[in-house]
Structures are given as C-alpha cells and as structure tokens.
C-alpha cells in the first residue's frame, strides 16, 4: 500500500533536519510521528 504524499513527507523530513530552531525540531518530531502512524497503518493491513 502506497501512502499519497509519502515522498513529500520524506522530502519535508530532510528539509526539517536542516533547521536548527525549536520550530524545526517540532516539525521534525511531528513528521516522525505521522510517518510512524502511517507505517503502523500499512503494516497492520
């Protein structure tokens, strides 16, 4: 199962790694959380 926007999430994740501000770290954490939820959703099926 392919998640729409999966590649976009990876690209945003890499961009977030370049940010050293608190906002960047928050975005990174949020995207990591979404990615893990998506992985669980796919793995459960």
Protein backbone atom coordinates (compact mmCIF):
# COMPACT_ATOMS: atom_id res chain seq x y z
CA UNK A 1 0.00 0.00 0.00
CA UNK A 2 1.38 3.37 -1.02
CA UNK A 3 0.57 6.44 1.04
CA UNK A 4 -0.25 9.51 -1.07
CA UNK A 5 2.31 12.19 -0.29
CA UNK A 6 4.75 9.68 1.16
CA UNK A 7 7.62 11.09 -0.88
CA UNK A 8 6.64 14.62 0.07
CA UNK A 9 6.82 13.63 3.73
CA UNK A 10 10.35 12.29 3.25
CA UNK A 11 11.43 15.48 1.46
CA UNK A 12 9.93 17.65 4.20
CA UNK A 13 11.64 15.48 6.78
CA UNK A 14 15.03 16.11 5.18
CA UNK A 15 14.32 19.84 4.97
CA UNK A 16 13.36 19.86 8.64
CA UNK A 17 16.70 18.30 9.55
CA UNK A 18 18.40 21.40 8.16
CA UNK A 19 16.55 23.63 10.61
CA UNK A 20 18.21 24.16 13.96
CA UNK A 21 15.43 26.22 15.52
CA UNK A 22 12.88 24.94 18.01
CA UNK A 23 10.27 25.14 15.26
CA UNK A 24 12.40 22.92 13.05
CA UNK A 25 12.71 20.31 15.79
CA UNK A 26 8.96 20.46 16.41
CA UNK A 27 8.22 19.94 12.71
CA UNK A 28 10.70 17.07 12.68
CA UNK A 29 9.00 15.41 15.66
CA UNK A 30 5.52 15.91 14.17
CA UNK A 31 6.52 14.42 10.83
CA UNK A 32 8.27 11.50 12.50
CA UNK A 33 5.10 10.83 14.47
CA UNK A 34 2.97 10.96 11.32
CA UNK A 35 5.40 8.69 9.49
CA UNK A 36 5.30 6.12 12.31
CA UNK A 37 1.50 6.20 12.37
CA UNK A 38 1.40 5.72 8.60
CA UNK A 39 3.85 2.82 8.87
CA UNK A 40 1.70 1.19 11.54
CA UNK A 41 -1.42 1.64 9.41
CA UNK A 42 0.28 -0.02 6.44
CA UNK A 43 1.89 -2.76 8.50
CA UNK A 44 -1.38 -3.64 10.19
CA UNK A 45 -3.08 -4.40 6.87
